[in-house]
Amino acid sequence: MTRTRTRIGLTLGLALFATSAMAQAGLPKKTLRLAETQAKLLLQQTPLAIERATKPGKAPLVAPRTLSPAGELVVVPSRDWTSGFFPGYLWLLYQASGAAKWKAAAQEYTARIEPEKNDRTSHDVGFKIYCSFGTGYRLTQDPAYQAVIVQAARSLSTRFNPHVGTLRSWDHHRAEWGFPVIIDNMMNLELLFAATRFSGDSSFYKIAVSHANTTLKNHFRPDYSSYHVVDYDSATGRVVKRTTHQGFASESAWARGQAWALYGFTMCYRETKNPDYLAQAEHVAAFILNHPNLPKDLIPYWDFNAPDLPNAPRDASAGAIIASGLLELSTFSTNGPLYRRQANKMLDNLAKRYVAQPGGSQGFLLLHSTGSKPANSEVDVPLNYADYYFMEGLLRRQRLAAGQKLGLR
């Protein structure tokens, strides 16, 4: 009896040790310490930057976005499409560490962007609200956050055109396109799926599915690379043209656009179990991972067809999004082991070669991202959404390494 108990105790102890070791492999303590060091600095610097940049009569500034060419912290109002990523990142730090200070900070910065639940002027309400309030709700089950998400979905739904079958992406550049839809918009569908679960109103779900189906039909080339922008005739739903706004050329493969496609269709499969979405995500993954211009460290250039390879700027944000998307895709696909290996390589390389020095970069974590190369804007800089998806990917890897489900709903 004593020997049996000893063997059982030893077995359980080894299992717990193995689980702990796998979890640490998912999110190394060194990386978490660096993330916390940097976030503490960013929380110190942000109020100072807001004070310096605030102008009378202008919208309040609420969150850090990036660094200026001079290395100064750039802060943005809640209407900026990136305003939800910093509060979301703080929520992820709370998830990673369990420390109450990160929860308190996340709650503070999340509250700052609540007015965006009523934004009907951009598809980005999904980015803003779901990365902040959605992540916060997942970790706290706060019913007030749920209500914000449903209201944001109502606002986003006003941008749906039944003739086209999609949500309108942008209202600007009206002389350039009539009804633009960008591949990025796939990411905003998660807000709609959540709103149907929370409210029981299936209209949100139906809009999300219509948008995904129309994007699947019209946004992709035969090699499964994605166009950035598809312009539609709003009256007939006819495709007017396929072009780009942030890629090198209309027919090139803008790296972050491919990342949005991979992540977005994986998420849509999670929410619908439509096998067409899974197949599309697998096809996009194959395009990315097998591309001859993908660097050996798997962190893509800003565009797979950039003219100055191999000297083109990288986009660490695209790498982080792809890695996080691949980890979820690995839980659905028969190619799961491959996706997980490649995602792990991407995350390891980001952690080794693309992170800031402790106390540097005003507190951002990841370096070497590219916002819009054609506009020469935010090239080779930190970006708040790069930090968000990097931490999300590390936490997804941690859960998978510990034998747990991702728990994304």
Protein backbone atom coordinates (compact mmCIF):
# COMPACT_ATOMS: atom_id res chain seq x y z
CA MET A 1 0.00 0.00 0.00
CA THR A 2 2.78 2.42 0.98
CA ARG A 3 4.77 1.63 -2.18
CA THR A 4 1.65 2.10 -4.30
CA ARG A 5 0.98 5.47 -2.73
CA THR A 6 4.61 6.43 -3.25
CA ARG A 7 4.43 5.48 -6.92
CA ILE A 8 1.18 7.42 -7.36
CA GLY A 9 2.61 10.44 -5.60
CA LEU A 10 5.77 10.29 -7.69
CA THR A 11 3.74 9.98 -10.89
CA LEU A 12 1.55 12.95 -9.96
CA GLY A 13 4.60 14.97 -8.98
CA LEU A 14 6.30 14.25 -12.29
CA ALA A 15 3.12 15.14 -14.16
CA LEU A 16 2.83 18.45 -12.34
CA PHE A 17 6.52 19.16 -12.96
CA ALA A 18 6.09 18.39 -16.66
CA THR A 19 3.01 20.62 -16.88
CA SER A 20 4.87 23.45 -15.15
CA ALA A 21 7.84 23.02 -17.46
CA MET A 22 5.62 23.06 -20.54
CA ALA A 23 3.81 26.15 -19.30
CA GLN A 24 7.12 27.92 -18.73
CA ALA A 25 8.18 26.91 -22.22
CA GLY A 26 5.01 28.55 -23.50
CA LEU A 27 5.67 31.87 -21.77
CA PRO A 28 9.24 31.97 -20.48
CA LYS A 29 9.70 33.80 -17.18
CA LYS A 30 12.34 36.01 -18.78
CA THR A 31 9.89 37.23 -21.42
CA LEU A 32 7.14 37.82 -18.88
CA ARG A 33 9.53 39.78 -16.63
CA LEU A 34 10.57 41.92 -19.59
CA ALA A 35 6.95 42.49 -20.58
CA GLU A 36 6.08 43.61 -17.05
CA THR A 37 9.14 45.87 -16.83
CA GLN A 38 8.23 47.50 -20.13
CA ALA A 39 4.54 47.86 -19.31
CA LYS A 40 5.37 49.53 -16.01
CA LEU A 41 7.49 52.06 -17.89
CA LEU A 42 4.80 52.60 -20.51
CA LEU A 43 2.25 53.27 -17.78
CA GLN A 44 4.62 55.88 -16.33
CA GLN A 45 5.34 57.54 -19.66
CA THR A 46 1.82 57.61 -21.10
CA PRO A 47 0.33 60.25 -18.74
CA LEU A 48 3.35 62.49 -19.38
CA ALA A 49 2.99 62.09 -23.14
CA ILE A 50 -0.74 62.81 -22.92
CA GLU A 51 -0.06 65.96 -20.94
CA ARG A 52 2.47 67.16 -23.51
CA ALA A 53 0.30 66.39 -26.53
CA THR A 54 -3.11 67.49 -25.29
CA LYS A 55 -4.52 70.49 -27.16
CA PRO A 56 -7.56 72.59 -26.19
CA GLY A 57 -10.70 71.65 -28.05
CA LYS A 58 -9.26 68.35 -29.31
CA ALA A 59 -10.44 64.87 -28.38
CA PRO A 60 -8.90 63.46 -25.19
CA LEU A 61 -5.83 61.31 -25.67
CA VAL A 62 -6.17 57.90 -24.05
CA ALA A 63 -3.49 55.36 -24.99
CA PRO A 64 0.00 54.84 -26.45
CA ARG A 65 0.31 53.68 -30.05
CA THR A 66 3.95 53.85 -31.21
CA LEU A 67 7.10 56.00 -31.22
CA SER A 68 7.74 59.04 -33.38
CA PRO A 69 10.83 59.24 -35.63
CA ALA A 70 12.44 61.18 -32.77
CA GLY A 71 11.73 58.35 -30.36
CA GLU A 72 8.94 60.14 -28.51
CA LEU A 73 5.84 58.35 -27.32
CA VAL A 74 2.85 58.81 -29.64
CA VAL A 75 -0.52 58.80 -27.86
CA VAL A 76 -3.92 58.67 -29.54
CA PRO A 77 -7.60 59.43 -28.85
CA SER A 78 -10.13 56.65 -28.41
CA ARG A 79 -11.32 57.03 -32.01
CA ASP A 80 -7.92 55.82 -33.28
CA TRP A 81 -8.19 52.27 -34.62
CA THR A 82 -5.43 51.07 -32.28
CA SER A 83 -6.87 52.46 -29.03
CA GLY A 84 -8.08 49.07 -27.78
CA PHE A 85 -4.79 47.23 -28.04
CA PHE A 86 -3.02 48.75 -25.05
CA PRO A 87 -5.86 48.02 -22.60
CA GLY A 88 -6.10 44.56 -24.17
CA TYR A 89 -2.39 44.05 -23.65
CA LEU A 90 -2.75 44.99 -19.98
CA TRP A 91 -5.53 42.40 -19.68
CA LEU A 92 -3.19 39.80 -21.18
CA LEU A 93 -0.51 40.73 -18.66
CA TYR A 94 -3.08 40.18 -15.93
CA GLN A 95 -3.87 36.78 -17.42
CA ALA A 96 -0.18 35.91 -17.61
CA SER A 97 0.81 37.04 -14.12
CA GLY A 98 -2.36 37.10 -12.03
CA ALA A 99 -1.16 40.40 -10.57
CA ALA A 100 -3.95 42.72 -9.43
CA LYS A 101 -2.01 45.80 -10.57
CA TRP A 102 -2.39 44.79 -14.21
CA LYS A 103 -6.10 44.18 -13.77
CA ALA A 104 -6.53 47.64 -12.25
CA ALA A 105 -4.55 49.26 -15.07
CA ALA A 106 -6.50 47.32 -17.69
CA GLN A 107 -9.79 48.42 -16.17
CA GLU A 108 -8.67 52.05 -16.18
CA TYR A 109 -7.53 52.10 -19.80
CA THR A 110 -10.49 50.02 -20.98
CA ALA A 111 -12.93 52.50 -19.45
CA ARG A 112 -11.30 55.31 -21.42
CA ILE A 113 -12.49 53.93 -24.75
CA GLU A 114 -16.07 53.00 -23.85
CA PRO A 115 -17.48 55.88 -25.98
CA GLU A 116 -16.33 53.92 -29.04
CA LYS A 117 -19.23 51.51 -28.55
CA ASN A 118 -21.31 54.10 -30.40
CA ASP A 119 -18.88 54.64 -33.28
CA ARG A 120 -20.66 54.13 -36.61
CA THR A 121 -17.98 55.77 -38.74
CA SER A 122 -15.53 52.87 -39.07
CA HIS A 123 -15.28 49.10 -39.03
CA ASP A 124 -12.53 49.51 -36.44
CA VAL A 125 -15.06 49.49 -33.60
CA GLY A 126 -14.42 45.75 -33.57
CA PHE A 127 -10.69 46.16 -33.01
CA LYS A 128 -11.22 48.86 -30.41
CA ILE A 129 -13.93 47.22 -28.33
CA TYR A 130 -13.28 43.50 -28.65
CA CYS A 131 -9.54 43.59 -27.95
CA SER A 132 -10.21 45.62 -24.79
CA PHE A 133 -13.72 44.91 -23.47
CA GLY A 134 -13.80 41.47 -25.09
CA THR A 135 -10.52 40.38 -23.52
CA GLY A 136 -11.60 41.92 -20.23
CA TYR A 137 -14.92 40.09 -20.32
CA ARG A 138 -13.22 36.77 -21.02
CA LEU A 139 -11.14 37.19 -17.88
CA THR A 140 -13.70 38.78 -15.54
CA GLN A 141 -17.18 37.93 -16.84
CA ASP A 142 -18.15 41.52 -15.99
CA PRO A 143 -21.73 41.99 -17.30
CA ALA A 144 -21.09 45.67 -17.93
CA TYR A 145 -18.43 44.69 -20.46
CA GLN A 146 -20.88 42.37 -22.14
CA ALA A 147 -23.34 45.24 -22.59
CA VAL A 148 -20.64 47.40 -24.19
CA ILE A 149 -19.82 44.62 -26.66
CA VAL A 150 -23.45 44.24 -27.72
CA GLN A 151 -23.87 47.98 -28.21
CA ALA A 152 -20.65 48.10 -30.25
CA ALA A 153 -22.00 45.30 -32.44
CA ARG A 154 -25.15 47.34 -33.04
CA SER A 155 -22.99 50.24 -34.16
CA LEU A 156 -20.85 48.07 -36.42
CA SER A 157 -23.94 46.48 -37.96
CA THR A 158 -25.06 49.82 -39.34
CA ARG A 159 -22.18 49.57 -41.81
CA PHE A 160 -23.57 46.41 -43.42
CA ASN A 161 -24.78 46.67 -47.01
CA PRO A 162 -27.07 43.78 -48.01
CA HIS A 163 -26.46 44.39 -51.73
CA VAL A 164 -22.72 43.90 -51.26
CA GLY A 165 -23.03 41.40 -48.41
CA THR A 166 -20.28 43.01 -46.31
CA LEU A 167 -19.53 45.70 -43.80
CA ARG A 168 -18.09 48.88 -45.26
CA SER A 169 -14.51 49.36 -44.08
CA TRP A 170 -13.62 53.02 -44.64
CA ASP A 171 -15.45 56.27 -45.19
CA HIS A 172 -12.37 58.20 -46.35
CA HIS A 173 -10.86 58.49 -49.86
CA ARG A 174 -14.33 58.58 -51.43
CA ALA A 175 -12.86 59.80 -54.70
CA GLU A 176 -10.72 56.66 -54.84
CA TRP A 177 -13.34 53.99 -54.10
CA GLY A 178 -17.07 53.67 -53.57
CA PHE A 179 -17.55 50.83 -51.08
CA PRO A 180 -14.14 49.62 -49.86
CA VAL A 181 -13.72 46.37 -47.95
CA ILE A 182 -10.30 45.54 -46.54
CA ILE A 183 -9.05 42.13 -45.47
CA ASP A 184 -8.42 43.58 -41.98
CA ASN A 185 -12.19 43.69 -41.53
CA MET A 186 -12.27 39.93 -40.97
CA MET A 187 -10.93 40.62 -37.48
CA ASN A 188 -13.97 42.69 -36.53
CA LEU A 189 -16.36 39.80 -37.07
CA GLU A 190 -15.43 38.33 -33.69
CA LEU A 191 -17.32 41.19 -32.04
CA LEU A 192 -20.46 40.24 -33.97
CA PHE A 193 -20.23 36.55 -33.11
CA ALA A 194 -19.83 37.42 -29.44
CA ALA A 195 -22.80 39.79 -29.55
CA THR A 196 -25.08 37.01 -30.79
CA ARG A 197 -23.97 34.75 -27.94
CA PHE A 198 -24.54 37.50 -25.40
CA SER A 199 -27.84 38.86 -26.73
CA GLY A 200 -29.47 35.98 -28.58
CA ASP A 201 -29.88 38.29 -31.60
CA SER A 202 -28.87 36.23 -34.61
CA SER A 203 -28.65 39.25 -36.91
CA PHE A 204 -25.08 39.90 -35.77
CA TYR A 205 -24.08 36.32 -36.60
CA LYS A 206 -25.74 36.50 -40.02
CA ILE A 207 -23.89 39.71 -40.90
CA ALA A 208 -20.58 38.17 -39.86
CA VAL A 209 -21.18 35.06 -41.98
CA SER A 210 -22.26 37.11 -44.98
CA HIS A 211 -19.14 39.25 -44.72
CA ALA A 212 -16.88 36.21 -44.39
CA ASN A 213 -18.52 34.45 -47.36
CA THR A 214 -18.25 37.51 -49.60
CA THR A 215 -14.62 38.04 -48.60
CA LEU A 216 -13.87 34.37 -49.27
CA LYS A 217 -15.34 34.74 -52.75
CA ASN A 218 -13.77 38.01 -53.82
CA HIS A 219 -10.62 38.79 -51.84
CA PHE A 220 -8.31 35.93 -52.81
CA ARG A 221 -6.09 35.08 -55.75
CA PRO A 222 -5.64 31.53 -57.08
CA ASP A 223 -2.56 31.09 -54.86
CA TYR A 224 -4.69 32.05 -51.79
CA SER A 225 -2.91 35.33 -51.18
CA SER A 226 -5.27 38.16 -50.30
CA TYR A 227 -5.84 41.52 -51.86
CA HIS A 228 -5.84 44.38 -49.39
CA VAL A 229 -8.83 46.36 -50.69
CA VAL A 230 -11.79 45.22 -52.78
CA ASP A 231 -14.00 48.05 -53.98
CA TYR A 232 -17.67 47.25 -54.61
CA ASP A 233 -20.59 48.93 -56.33
CA SER A 234 -22.83 49.59 -53.34
CA ALA A 235 -26.03 49.29 -55.41
CA THR A 236 -25.30 46.02 -57.20
CA GLY A 237 -22.58 44.33 -55.15
CA ARG A 238 -20.38 44.06 -58.26
CA VAL A 239 -16.61 44.13 -57.71
CA VAL A 240 -15.29 47.37 -59.19
CA LYS A 241 -11.59 46.84 -58.56
CA ARG A 242 -9.06 45.08 -56.37
CA THR A 243 -6.23 47.22 -55.08
CA THR A 244 -4.06 48.07 -52.08
CA HIS A 245 -3.58 50.92 -49.66
CA GLN A 246 -0.73 49.66 -47.48
CA GLY A 247 0.91 47.02 -49.67
CA PHE A 248 3.63 47.48 -52.28
CA ALA A 249 1.28 47.02 -55.23
CA SER A 250 -2.25 45.91 -56.00
CA GLU A 251 -1.05 42.41 -56.92
CA SER A 252 1.51 42.07 -54.14
CA ALA A 253 0.96 40.20 -50.87
CA TRP A 254 0.99 42.72 -48.03
CA ALA A 255 2.25 40.73 -45.06
CA ARG A 256 -0.13 41.97 -42.38
CA GLY A 257 -3.03 41.47 -44.77
CA GLN A 258 -2.12 37.79 -45.08
CA ALA A 259 -1.92 37.64 -41.28
CA TRP A 260 -5.41 39.12 -40.91
CA ALA A 261 -6.75 36.57 -43.41
CA LEU A 262 -5.20 33.61 -41.60
CA TYR A 263 -6.32 34.73 -38.17
CA GLY A 264 -9.76 35.89 -39.33
CA PHE A 265 -10.83 32.74 -41.13
CA THR A 266 -9.49 30.59 -38.30
CA MET A 267 -11.65 32.57 -35.88
CA CYS A 268 -14.66 32.27 -38.19
CA TYR A 269 -14.24 28.50 -38.26
CA ARG A 270 -14.17 28.47 -34.46
CA GLU A 271 -17.44 30.37 -34.34
CA THR A 272 -19.33 28.59 -37.16
CA LYS A 273 -17.60 25.24 -37.81
CA ASN A 274 -18.00 25.97 -41.53
CA PRO A 275 -15.37 23.71 -43.18
CA ASP A 276 -14.87 26.23 -45.98
CA TYR A 277 -13.39 28.65 -43.47
CA LEU A 278 -11.03 26.02 -42.11
CA ALA A 279 -9.89 25.12 -45.61
CA GLN A 280 -9.30 28.78 -46.42
CA ALA A 281 -7.23 29.31 -43.28
CA GLU A 282 -5.15 26.25 -44.18
CA HIS A 283 -4.62 27.55 -47.71
CA VAL A 284 -3.51 30.96 -46.43
CA ALA A 285 -1.16 29.27 -43.94
CA ALA A 286 0.38 27.28 -46.79
CA PHE A 287 0.87 30.43 -48.86
CA ILE A 288 2.67 32.13 -45.98
CA LEU A 289 4.78 29.25 -44.71
CA ASN A 290 5.84 28.01 -48.16
CA HIS A 291 6.56 31.40 -49.68
CA PRO A 292 10.11 31.63 -51.07
CA ASN A 293 10.44 35.18 -49.71
CA LEU A 294 9.64 34.23 -46.12
CA PRO A 295 12.89 34.80 -44.18
CA LYS A 296 14.56 31.92 -42.35
CA ASP A 297 13.48 33.30 -38.98
CA LEU A 298 9.86 33.29 -40.27
CA ILE A 299 9.27 36.97 -39.45
CA PRO A 300 7.99 38.39 -42.75
CA TYR A 301 9.06 41.43 -44.66
CA TRP A 302 6.37 44.11 -44.70
CA ASP A 303 5.30 42.81 -48.12
CA PHE A 304 6.13 39.39 -49.58
CA ASN A 305 6.81 41.13 -52.91
CA ALA A 306 8.67 44.18 -51.65
CA PRO A 307 11.08 45.45 -54.33
CA ASP A 308 14.19 45.67 -52.15
CA LEU A 309 14.40 42.17 -50.67
CA PRO A 310 16.27 41.09 -48.61
CA ASN A 311 16.81 44.63 -47.32
CA ALA A 312 13.14 45.52 -46.91
CA PRO A 313 11.84 46.31 -43.42
CA ARG A 314 10.35 43.45 -41.45
CA ASP A 315 6.92 43.51 -39.85
CA ALA A 316 7.05 41.94 -36.41
CA SER A 317 3.36 42.72 -35.96
CA ALA A 318 2.52 40.47 -38.91
CA GLY A 319 4.73 37.76 -37.43
CA ALA A 320 2.97 37.98 -34.07
CA ILE A 321 -0.50 37.83 -35.66
CA ILE A 322 0.47 34.87 -37.83
CA ALA A 323 1.96 32.98 -34.87
CA SER A 324 -1.12 33.51 -32.73
CA GLY A 325 -3.42 32.53 -35.60
CA LEU A 326 -1.40 29.40 -36.38
CA LEU A 327 -1.67 28.24 -32.77
CA GLU A 328 -5.44 28.39 -32.86
CA LEU A 329 -5.50 26.82 -36.32
CA SER A 330 -3.38 23.96 -34.95
CA THR A 331 -6.27 22.96 -32.68
CA PHE A 332 -8.60 22.42 -35.65
CA SER A 333 -6.43 21.15 -38.49
CA THR A 334 -4.80 17.83 -39.30
CA ASN A 335 -1.73 19.98 -40.02
CA GLY A 336 -1.71 21.00 -36.36
CA PRO A 337 1.79 19.75 -35.46
CA LEU A 338 3.34 21.70 -38.35
CA TYR A 339 1.46 24.88 -37.48
CA ARG A 340 2.46 24.63 -33.85
CA ARG A 341 6.13 24.07 -34.69
CA GLN A 342 6.22 27.04 -37.02
CA ALA A 343 4.35 29.28 -34.59
CA ASN A 344 6.75 28.31 -31.84
CA LYS A 345 9.71 29.21 -34.04
CA MET A 346 8.16 32.59 -34.80
CA LEU A 347 7.48 33.35 -31.15
CA ASP A 348 10.95 32.19 -30.11
CA ASN A 349 12.61 34.35 -32.75
CA LEU A 350 10.50 37.36 -31.81
CA ALA A 351 11.48 36.88 -28.17
CA LYS A 352 15.17 36.52 -29.01
CA ARG A 353 15.75 39.13 -31.70
CA TYR A 354 12.84 41.55 -31.85
CA VAL A 355 12.30 42.68 -28.25
CA ALA A 356 13.37 45.94 -26.65
CA GLN A 357 16.08 46.26 -24.08
CA PRO A 358 14.72 46.57 -20.53
CA GLY A 359 13.82 50.21 -19.97
CA GLY A 360 14.09 51.06 -23.67
CA SER A 361 11.65 52.09 -26.39
CA GLN A 362 9.51 54.05 -23.90
CA GLY A 363 8.13 50.75 -22.62
CA PHE A 364 7.03 48.93 -25.77
CA LEU A 365 7.95 45.24 -25.96
CA LEU A 366 8.38 44.32 -29.63
CA LEU A 367 10.52 46.27 -32.10
CA HIS A 368 10.74 46.26 -35.92
CA SER A 369 7.12 46.51 -37.01
CA THR A 370 5.86 48.35 -40.09
CA GLY A 371 2.60 50.29 -40.13
CA SER A 372 2.36 51.72 -43.66
CA LYS A 373 5.48 51.58 -45.80
CA PRO A 374 3.91 53.29 -48.85
CA ALA A 375 3.09 56.30 -46.66
CA ASN A 376 6.50 56.06 -44.97
CA SER A 377 4.55 55.94 -41.70
CA GLU A 378 5.55 53.86 -38.68
CA VAL A 379 8.39 52.00 -40.40
CA ASP A 380 10.67 49.87 -38.19
CA VAL A 381 9.02 50.95 -34.94
CA PRO A 382 7.18 49.41 -32.00
CA LEU A 383 3.40 49.20 -32.39
CA ASN A 384 0.85 48.50 -29.68
CA TYR A 385 -0.91 45.81 -31.70
CA ALA A 386 2.37 43.96 -32.19
CA ASP A 387 2.73 43.74 -28.42
CA TYR A 388 -0.89 42.62 -28.06
CA TYR A 389 -0.71 39.74 -30.52
CA PHE A 390 2.75 38.70 -29.34
CA MET A 391 1.49 38.32 -25.77
CA GLU A 392 -1.68 36.62 -27.00
CA GLY A 393 0.43 34.14 -28.95
CA LEU A 394 2.65 33.40 -25.96
CA LEU A 395 -0.39 32.79 -23.75
CA ARG A 396 -1.97 30.54 -26.36
CA ARG A 397 1.25 28.55 -26.55
CA GLN A 398 1.35 28.31 -22.77
CA ARG A 399 -2.15 26.86 -22.58
CA LEU A 400 -1.50 24.37 -25.38
CA ALA A 401 1.80 23.31 -23.80
CA ALA A 402 -0.03 22.63 -20.54
CA GLY A 403 -2.62 20.50 -22.35
CA GLN A 404 -5.39 23.06 -21.94
CA LYS A 405 -7.95 24.39 -24.40
CA LEU A 406 -7.43 27.94 -25.59
CA GLY A 407 -10.63 29.15 -23.89
CA LEU A 408 -11.25 32.03 -26.30
CA ARG A 409 -15.00 32.41 -25.81
